[in-house]
Amino acid sequence: MTEIPEATTAAPTTATDPESQGRALLRTLKVWDTELPALDPAAVPAEPLPLFWQWFVEVAQAGQVEPHTMSLATADETGRPDVRTIMLHDVDAAGWHFGSHAGSAKGRQLAARPEAALGFYWPAQGRQVRVRGRVTAAGPAESRADLARRSPGALASALVGRQSEVLPSYEDLVAASEAAWQRAQAEPDAPAPSWTLYVLAPEEVEFFQGDARRRHVRLRYRRAADGSWARELLWP
């Protein structure tokens, strides 16, 4: 896991172009401007799932905005990498759950190469979690149940569909979205056939706890052939 660079102090700039302003600002930004918790590797659970939920609750209570957002990295059929930010739907013994359209870019990539990586960054407590593993698509019943548990806005978005396709104009999106919202309100159980629930079964889960003196703790869980978990520390 890449260490976040330490902030430095730069002299103010009088430049007005966005690039110069942005570069000057980049060198003055603070990192983890808060007291960070500690991670005792000797006191962690035998499996990663309990620690993930513990951290999730703690960062939410610490004020982390949208702790359920995560980066999803995939690769297409030629091996070119791709990444985007999506929402976590659940985590259980089967793995980390998220949803998308089967025909979207990530849906097509997962069909071609059913392996992926997830990344959570929670700066409120200087924490990161990385997950790698194989991804499977749930069946229609599970996918529909997943969508039913979400908001009317999520249903409306799913009913619009056509994710990742070229959009002729923004007006086309407005018209399609308005129609989808009306249908979602009138038919809360309306089907969205392309909506798919995906589950990433973890093979590796890494927990990163930042430290003010840069003695970061990196704890990695690796799944063994018998299904048990091995734990190891990594140099930061």
C-alpha atoms as a PDB file:
ATOM      1  CA  MET A   1       0.000   0.000   0.000  1.00  0.00           C
ATOM      2  CA  THR A   2       1.539   3.267  -1.097  1.00  0.00           C
ATOM      3  CA  GLU A   3       2.400   5.664   1.706  1.00  0.00           C
ATOM      4  CA  ILE A   4       0.721   9.037   1.514  1.00  0.00           C
ATOM      5  CA  PRO A   5       3.452  11.661   1.169  1.00  0.00           C
ATOM      6  CA  GLU A   6       4.159  13.967   4.071  1.00  0.00           C
ATOM      7  CA  ALA A   7       2.996  17.541   3.617  1.00  0.00           C
ATOM      8  CA  THR A   8       5.551  20.265   3.029  1.00  0.00           C
ATOM      9  CA  THR A   9       5.332  24.008   3.302  1.00  0.00           C
ATOM     10  CA  ALA A  10       5.546  26.125   0.173  1.00  0.00           C
ATOM     11  CA  ALA A  11       5.630  29.871  -0.278  1.00  0.00           C
ATOM     12  CA  PRO A  12       2.366  31.432  -1.436  1.00  0.00           C
ATOM     13  CA  THR A  13       2.079  31.947  -5.171  1.00  0.00           C
ATOM     14  CA  THR A  14       0.537  34.820  -7.048  1.00  0.00           C
ATOM     15  CA  ALA A  15      -0.069  32.757 -10.177  1.00  0.00           C
ATOM     16  CA  THR A  16      -3.654  32.652 -11.314  1.00  0.00           C
ATOM     17  CA  ASP A  17      -3.668  29.676 -13.702  1.00  0.00           C
ATOM     18  CA  PRO A  18      -5.255  26.512 -12.247  1.00  0.00           C
ATOM     19  CA  GLU A  19      -2.151  24.358 -12.799  1.00  0.00           C
ATOM     20  CA  SER A  20       0.177  26.656 -10.833  1.00  0.00           C
ATOM     21  CA  GLN A  21      -2.405  27.197  -8.120  1.00  0.00           C
ATOM     22  CA  GLY A  22      -3.057  23.488  -7.849  1.00  0.00           C
ATOM     23  CA  ARG A  23       0.631  22.589  -7.669  1.00  0.00           C
ATOM     24  CA  ALA A  24       1.270  25.179  -4.968  1.00  0.00           C
ATOM     25  CA  LEU A  25      -1.756  23.966  -3.007  1.00  0.00           C
ATOM     26  CA  LEU A  26      -0.675  20.333  -3.349  1.00  0.00           C
ATOM     27  CA  ARG A  27       2.551  21.048  -1.478  1.00  0.00           C
ATOM     28  CA  THR A  28       0.787  22.672   1.476  1.00  0.00           C
ATOM     29  CA  LEU A  29      -1.930  20.105   2.169  1.00  0.00           C
ATOM     30  CA  LYS A  30      -1.818  18.367   5.533  1.00  0.00           C
ATOM     31  CA  VAL A  31      -2.115  14.616   5.974  1.00  0.00           C
ATOM     32  CA  TRP A  32      -4.022  12.998   8.851  1.00  0.00           C
ATOM     33  CA  ASP A  33      -4.392  16.222  10.824  1.00  0.00           C
ATOM     34  CA  THR A  34      -5.886  14.296  13.732  1.00  0.00           C
ATOM     35  CA  GLU A  35      -4.911  11.837  16.448  1.00  0.00           C
ATOM     36  CA  LEU A  36      -4.634   8.362  14.944  1.00  0.00           C
ATOM     37  CA  PRO A  37      -5.613   5.114  16.671  1.00  0.00           C
ATOM     38  CA  ALA A  38      -3.150   2.251  17.032  1.00  0.00           C
ATOM     39  CA  LEU A  39      -3.352  -1.269  15.655  1.00  0.00           C
ATOM     40  CA  ASP A  40      -1.917  -4.065  17.788  1.00  0.00           C
ATOM     41  CA  PRO A  41      -1.139  -6.977  15.429  1.00  0.00           C
ATOM     42  CA  ALA A  42      -1.136  -9.372  18.370  1.00  0.00           C
ATOM     43  CA  ALA A  43      -4.744  -8.542  19.244  1.00  0.00           C
ATOM     44  CA  VAL A  44      -6.450  -8.905  15.848  1.00  0.00           C
ATOM     45  CA  PRO A  45      -9.037 -11.594  15.100  1.00  0.00           C
ATOM     46  CA  ALA A  46      -8.148 -14.783  13.240  1.00  0.00           C
ATOM     47  CA  GLU A  47     -10.201 -13.751  10.193  1.00  0.00           C
ATOM     48  CA  PRO A  48     -10.474 -10.398   8.381  1.00  0.00           C
ATOM     49  CA  LEU A  49     -14.265  -9.982   8.406  1.00  0.00           C
ATOM     50  CA  PRO A  50     -14.662  -9.037  12.117  1.00  0.00           C
ATOM     51  CA  LEU A  51     -11.813  -6.530  11.865  1.00  0.00           C
ATOM     52  CA  PHE A  52     -13.309  -4.959   8.756  1.00  0.00           C
ATOM     53  CA  TRP A  53     -16.679  -4.403  10.453  1.00  0.00           C
ATOM     54  CA  GLN A  54     -14.966  -3.090  13.597  1.00  0.00           C
ATOM     55  CA  TRP A  55     -13.013  -0.560  11.551  1.00  0.00           C
ATOM     56  CA  PHE A  56     -16.070   0.354   9.492  1.00  0.00           C
ATOM     57  CA  VAL A  57     -18.066   1.207  12.622  1.00  0.00           C
ATOM     58  CA  GLU A  58     -15.161   3.091  14.204  1.00  0.00           C
ATOM     59  CA  VAL A  59     -14.429   5.281  11.182  1.00  0.00           C
ATOM     60  CA  ALA A  60     -18.137   6.070  10.768  1.00  0.00           C
ATOM     61  CA  GLN A  61     -18.328   7.088  14.422  1.00  0.00           C
ATOM     62  CA  ALA A  62     -15.189   9.194  13.923  1.00  0.00           C
ATOM     63  CA  GLY A  63     -17.002  11.228  11.275  1.00  0.00           C
ATOM     64  CA  GLN A  64     -15.719   9.605   8.104  1.00  0.00           C
ATOM     65  CA  VAL A  65     -17.875  10.787   5.195  1.00  0.00           C
ATOM     66  CA  GLU A  66     -19.364   7.964   3.110  1.00  0.00           C
ATOM     67  CA  PRO A  67     -17.270   5.135   4.572  1.00  0.00           C
ATOM     68  CA  HIS A  68     -19.145   2.720   2.304  1.00  0.00           C
ATOM     69  CA  THR A  69     -17.532   4.121  -0.846  1.00  0.00           C
ATOM     70  CA  MET A  70     -14.711   2.078  -2.305  1.00  0.00           C
ATOM     71  CA  SER A  71     -12.525   1.862  -5.395  1.00  0.00           C
ATOM     72  CA  LEU A  72     -13.113  -1.132  -7.652  1.00  0.00           C
ATOM     73  CA  ALA A  73     -10.227  -2.117  -9.925  1.00  0.00           C
ATOM     74  CA  THR A  74     -10.799  -4.482 -12.856  1.00  0.00           C
ATOM     75  CA  ALA A  75      -9.082  -5.338 -16.134  1.00  0.00           C
ATOM     76  CA  ASP A  76     -10.509  -5.783 -19.618  1.00  0.00           C
ATOM     77  CA  GLU A  77      -9.961  -8.752 -21.919  1.00  0.00           C
ATOM     78  CA  THR A  78      -6.586  -7.363 -23.046  1.00  0.00           C
ATOM     79  CA  GLY A  79      -5.377  -6.773 -19.490  1.00  0.00           C
ATOM     80  CA  ARG A  80      -5.772  -2.984 -19.465  1.00  0.00           C
ATOM     81  CA  PRO A  81      -6.627  -1.841 -15.914  1.00  0.00           C
ATOM     82  CA  ASP A  82      -9.647   0.245 -14.979  1.00  0.00           C
ATOM     83  CA  VAL A  83     -10.858   1.733 -11.696  1.00  0.00           C
ATOM     84  CA  ARG A  84     -13.894   3.608 -10.385  1.00  0.00           C
ATOM     85  CA  THR A  85     -15.596   4.505  -7.096  1.00  0.00           C
ATOM     86  CA  ILE A  86     -18.704   2.529  -6.159  1.00  0.00           C
ATOM     87  CA  MET A  87     -20.793   1.725  -3.084  1.00  0.00           C
ATOM     88  CA  LEU A  88     -20.404  -1.271  -0.800  1.00  0.00           C
ATOM     89  CA  HIS A  89     -23.699  -3.133  -0.396  1.00  0.00           C
ATOM     90  CA  ASP A  90     -22.754  -5.735   2.214  1.00  0.00           C
ATOM     91  CA  VAL A  91     -19.958  -7.907   3.570  1.00  0.00           C
ATOM     92  CA  ASP A  92     -20.492 -11.424   4.846  1.00  0.00           C
ATOM     93  CA  ALA A  93     -18.825 -14.829   4.830  1.00  0.00           C
ATOM     94  CA  ALA A  94     -19.223 -14.990   1.036  1.00  0.00           C
ATOM     95  CA  GLY A  95     -17.359 -11.738   0.466  1.00  0.00           C
ATOM     96  CA  TRP A  96     -17.739  -8.065  -0.396  1.00  0.00           C
ATOM     97  CA  HIS A  97     -20.977  -7.230  -2.253  1.00  0.00           C
ATOM     98  CA  PHE A  98     -21.560  -4.525  -4.860  1.00  0.00           C
ATOM     99  CA  GLY A  99     -23.912  -3.986  -7.779  1.00  0.00           C
ATOM    100  CA  SER A 100     -23.818  -2.831 -11.377  1.00  0.00           C
ATOM    101  CA  HIS A 101     -25.304  -3.459 -14.789  1.00  0.00           C
ATOM    102  CA  ALA A 102     -24.056  -6.594 -16.517  1.00  0.00           C
ATOM    103  CA  GLY A 103     -23.585  -4.597 -19.718  1.00  0.00           C
ATOM    104  CA  SER A 104     -21.601  -1.781 -18.105  1.00  0.00           C
ATOM    105  CA  ALA A 105     -17.842  -1.479 -18.572  1.00  0.00           C
ATOM    106  CA  LYS A 106     -17.132  -3.150 -15.236  1.00  0.00           C
ATOM    107  CA  GLY A 107     -19.752  -5.827 -15.921  1.00  0.00           C
ATOM    108  CA  ARG A 108     -18.141  -6.709 -19.243  1.00  0.00           C
ATOM    109  CA  GLN A 109     -14.675  -6.650 -17.704  1.00  0.00           C
ATOM    110  CA  LEU A 110     -15.727  -8.937 -14.857  1.00  0.00           C
ATOM    111  CA  ALA A 111     -17.293 -11.338 -17.362  1.00  0.00           C
ATOM    112  CA  ALA A 112     -14.003 -11.481 -19.272  1.00  0.00           C
ATOM    113  CA  ARG A 113     -11.701 -11.504 -16.232  1.00  0.00           C
ATOM    114  CA  PRO A 114     -13.623 -12.385 -13.044  1.00  0.00           C
ATOM    115  CA  GLU A 115     -11.024 -11.083 -10.600  1.00  0.00           C
ATOM    116  CA  ALA A 116     -10.894  -7.648  -8.990  1.00  0.00           C
ATOM    117  CA  ALA A 117      -9.492  -5.534  -6.183  1.00  0.00           C
ATOM    118  CA  LEU A 118     -11.241  -3.175  -3.769  1.00  0.00           C
ATOM    119  CA  GLY A 119      -9.745  -0.232  -1.917  1.00  0.00           C
ATOM    120  CA  PHE A 120     -11.177   1.692   1.039  1.00  0.00           C
ATOM    121  CA  TYR A 121      -9.543   4.909   2.268  1.00  0.00           C
ATOM    122  CA  TRP A 122     -10.707   6.339   5.591  1.00  0.00           C
ATOM    123  CA  PRO A 123      -8.596   9.459   6.384  1.00  0.00           C
ATOM    124  CA  ALA A 124     -10.625  10.229   9.520  1.00  0.00           C
ATOM    125  CA  GLN A 125      -8.494   7.585  11.238  1.00  0.00           C
ATOM    126  CA  GLY A 126      -5.638   7.131   8.771  1.00  0.00           C
ATOM    127  CA  ARG A 127      -6.888   3.738   7.663  1.00  0.00           C
ATOM    128  CA  GLN A 128      -7.023   1.821   4.415  1.00  0.00           C
ATOM    129  CA  VAL A 129      -8.300  -1.644   3.511  1.00  0.00           C
ATOM    130  CA  ARG A 130      -7.401  -3.549   0.346  1.00  0.00           C
ATOM    131  CA  VAL A 131      -9.226  -6.666  -0.832  1.00  0.00           C
ATOM    132  CA  ARG A 132      -8.313  -8.950  -3.736  1.00  0.00           C
ATOM    133  CA  GLY A 133     -10.161 -11.986  -5.022  1.00  0.00           C
ATOM    134  CA  ARG A 134     -12.410 -13.688  -7.527  1.00  0.00           C
ATOM    135  CA  VAL A 135     -15.772 -12.145  -8.403  1.00  0.00           C
ATOM    136  CA  THR A 136     -18.993 -14.034  -9.107  1.00  0.00           C
ATOM    137  CA  ALA A 137     -22.332 -12.717 -10.336  1.00  0.00           C
ATOM    138  CA  ALA A 138     -25.395 -13.561  -8.252  1.00  0.00           C
ATOM    139  CA  GLY A 139     -28.550 -14.880  -9.874  1.00  0.00           C
ATOM    140  CA  PRO A 140     -31.581 -12.802 -10.889  1.00  0.00           C
ATOM    141  CA  ALA A 141     -33.440 -13.360  -7.601  1.00  0.00           C
ATOM    142  CA  GLU A 142     -30.526 -12.220  -5.425  1.00  0.00           C
ATOM    143  CA  SER A 143     -29.775  -9.301  -7.720  1.00  0.00           C
ATOM    144  CA  ARG A 144     -33.384  -8.144  -7.640  1.00  0.00           C
ATOM    145  CA  ALA A 145     -33.501  -8.475  -3.844  1.00  0.00           C
ATOM    146  CA  ASP A 146     -30.334  -6.384  -3.602  1.00  0.00           C
ATOM    147  CA  LEU A 147     -31.905  -3.619  -5.675  1.00  0.00           C
ATOM    148  CA  ALA A 148     -35.126  -3.774  -3.642  1.00  0.00           C
ATOM    149  CA  ARG A 149     -33.176  -3.005  -0.473  1.00  0.00           C
ATOM    150  CA  ARG A 150     -31.849   0.219  -1.932  1.00  0.00           C
ATOM    151  CA  SER A 151     -33.416   3.667  -2.376  1.00  0.00           C
ATOM    152  CA  PRO A 152     -35.984   4.716  -5.006  1.00  0.00           C
ATOM    153  CA  GLY A 153     -33.209   6.728  -6.600  1.00  0.00           C
ATOM    154  CA  ALA A 154     -31.117   3.587  -7.002  1.00  0.00           C
ATOM    155  CA  LEU A 155     -34.061   1.843  -8.671  1.00  0.00           C
ATOM    156  CA  ALA A 156     -34.632   4.804 -10.972  1.00  0.00           C
ATOM    157  CA  SER A 157     -30.966   4.779 -11.954  1.00  0.00           C
ATOM    158  CA  ALA A 158     -31.097   1.040 -12.603  1.00  0.00           C
ATOM    159  CA  LEU A 159     -34.204   1.469 -14.757  1.00  0.00           C
ATOM    160  CA  VAL A 160     -32.402   4.041 -16.897  1.00  0.00           C
ATOM    161  CA  GLY A 161     -29.750   1.418 -17.615  1.00  0.00           C
ATOM    162  CA  ARG A 162     -27.375   1.795 -20.601  1.00  0.00           C
ATOM    163  CA  GLN A 163     -24.483   2.454 -18.218  1.00  0.00           C
ATOM    164  CA  SER A 164     -21.165   3.233 -19.969  1.00  0.00           C
ATOM    165  CA  GLU A 165     -22.835   3.639 -23.381  1.00  0.00           C
ATOM    166  CA  VAL A 166     -22.206   6.826 -25.347  1.00  0.00           C
ATOM    167  CA  LEU A 167     -24.791   9.502 -24.442  1.00  0.00           C
ATOM    168  CA  PRO A 168     -25.924  11.599 -27.441  1.00  0.00           C
ATOM    169  CA  SER A 169     -26.870  14.595 -25.285  1.00  0.00           C
ATOM    170  CA  TYR A 170     -27.529  15.526 -21.673  1.00  0.00           C
ATOM    171  CA  GLU A 171     -31.172  16.166 -22.611  1.00  0.00           C
ATOM    172  CA  ASP A 172     -31.525  12.465 -23.466  1.00  0.00           C
ATOM    173  CA  LEU A 173     -30.373  11.582 -19.950  1.00  0.00           C
ATOM    174  CA  VAL A 174     -32.821  14.053 -18.381  1.00  0.00           C
ATOM    175  CA  ALA A 175     -35.742  12.568 -20.332  1.00  0.00           C
ATOM    176  CA  ALA A 176     -34.800   8.966 -19.549  1.00  0.00           C
ATOM    177  CA  SER A 177     -34.183   9.772 -15.888  1.00  0.00           C
ATOM    178  CA  GLU A 178     -37.527  11.537 -15.497  1.00  0.00           C
ATOM    179  CA  ALA A 179     -39.367   8.572 -16.984  1.00  0.00           C
ATOM    180  CA  ALA A 180     -37.436   6.173 -14.754  1.00  0.00           C
ATOM    181  CA  TRP A 181     -38.211   8.185 -11.615  1.00  0.00           C
ATOM    182  CA  GLN A 182     -41.902   8.163 -12.436  1.00  0.00           C
ATOM    183  CA  ARG A 183     -41.862   4.413 -12.989  1.00  0.00           C
ATOM    184  CA  ALA A 184     -39.863   3.769  -9.807  1.00  0.00           C
ATOM    185  CA  GLN A 185     -42.418   5.695  -7.770  1.00  0.00           C
ATOM    186  CA  ALA A 186     -45.360   3.955  -9.446  1.00  0.00           C
ATOM    187  CA  GLU A 187     -43.778   0.485  -9.477  1.00  0.00           C
ATOM    188  CA  PRO A 188     -41.388   0.054  -6.537  1.00  0.00           C
ATOM    189  CA  ASP A 189     -40.907  -3.579  -7.611  1.00  0.00           C
ATOM    190  CA  ALA A 190     -40.215  -2.766 -11.258  1.00  0.00           C
ATOM    191  CA  PRO A 191     -37.633  -5.173 -12.697  1.00  0.00           C
ATOM    192  CA  ALA A 192     -34.265  -3.994 -13.987  1.00  0.00           C
ATOM    193  CA  PRO A 193     -33.062  -7.133 -15.788  1.00  0.00           C
ATOM    194  CA  SER A 194     -29.468  -6.021 -16.337  1.00  0.00           C
ATOM    195  CA  TRP A 195     -28.897  -5.084 -12.689  1.00  0.00           C
ATOM    196  CA  THR A 196     -26.514  -7.609 -11.153  1.00  0.00           C
ATOM    197  CA  LEU A 197     -25.227  -8.240  -7.664  1.00  0.00           C
ATOM    198  CA  TYR A 198     -21.535  -9.136  -7.608  1.00  0.00           C
ATOM    199  CA  VAL A 199     -19.631 -10.783  -4.763  1.00  0.00           C
ATOM    200  CA  LEU A 200     -15.852 -10.624  -4.391  1.00  0.00           C
ATOM    201  CA  ALA A 201     -14.606 -13.653  -2.452  1.00  0.00           C
ATOM    202  CA  PRO A 202     -11.415 -12.467  -0.714  1.00  0.00           C
ATOM    203  CA  GLU A 203      -8.096 -14.200  -1.200  1.00  0.00           C
ATOM    204  CA  GLU A 204      -6.124 -11.366   0.405  1.00  0.00           C
ATOM    205  CA  VAL A 205      -7.264  -8.602   2.756  1.00  0.00           C
ATOM    206  CA  GLU A 206      -4.802  -5.961   3.916  1.00  0.00           C
ATOM    207  CA  PHE A 207      -5.382  -3.499   6.752  1.00  0.00           C
ATOM    208  CA  PHE A 208      -3.260  -0.340   6.859  1.00  0.00           C
ATOM    209  CA  GLN A 209      -3.120   1.786   9.994  1.00  0.00           C
ATOM    210  CA  GLY A 210      -1.323   5.081   9.528  1.00  0.00           C
ATOM    211  CA  ASP A 211       1.108   6.361  12.161  1.00  0.00           C
ATOM    212  CA  ALA A 212       2.182   9.968  12.761  1.00  0.00           C
ATOM    213  CA  ARG A 213       5.856   8.906  12.812  1.00  0.00           C
ATOM    214  CA  ARG A 214       5.373   6.899   9.615  1.00  0.00           C
ATOM    215  CA  ARG A 215       5.611   3.572  11.434  1.00  0.00           C
ATOM    216  CA  HIS A 216       2.530   2.406   9.590  1.00  0.00           C
ATOM    217  CA  VAL A 217       1.144  -1.017  10.403  1.00  0.00           C
ATOM    218  CA  ARG A 218       0.328  -3.188   7.397  1.00  0.00           C
ATOM    219  CA  LEU A 219      -1.422  -6.397   8.333  1.00  0.00           C
ATOM    220  CA  ARG A 220      -2.250  -8.859   5.550  1.00  0.00           C
ATOM    221  CA  TYR A 221      -4.573 -11.834   5.735  1.00  0.00           C
ATOM    222  CA  ARG A 222      -4.012 -14.545   3.085  1.00  0.00           C
ATOM    223  CA  ARG A 223      -6.435 -17.385   2.529  1.00  0.00           C
ATOM    224  CA  ALA A 224      -4.824 -20.830   2.590  1.00  0.00           C
ATOM    225  CA  ALA A 225      -5.863 -23.807   0.454  1.00  0.00           C
ATOM    226  CA  ASP A 226      -7.862 -25.259   3.356  1.00  0.00           C
ATOM    227  CA  GLY A 227      -9.848 -22.024   3.746  1.00  0.00           C
ATOM    228  CA  SER A 228      -8.056 -20.805   6.865  1.00  0.00           C
ATOM    229  CA  TRP A 229      -6.343 -17.429   7.097  1.00  0.00           C
ATOM    230  CA  ALA A 230      -2.646 -16.741   7.501  1.00  0.00           C
ATOM    231  CA  ARG A 231      -1.589 -13.379   8.972  1.00  0.00           C
ATOM    232  CA  GLU A 232       1.598 -11.470   8.220  1.00  0.00           C
ATOM    233  CA  LEU A 233       3.038  -7.996   8.670  1.00  0.00           C
ATOM    234  CA  LEU A 234       4.447  -6.029   5.732  1.00  0.00           C
ATOM    235  CA  TRP A 235       7.067  -3.318   5.675  1.00  0.00           C
ATOM    236  CA  PRO A 236       5.386   0.031   5.066  1.00  0.00           C
END
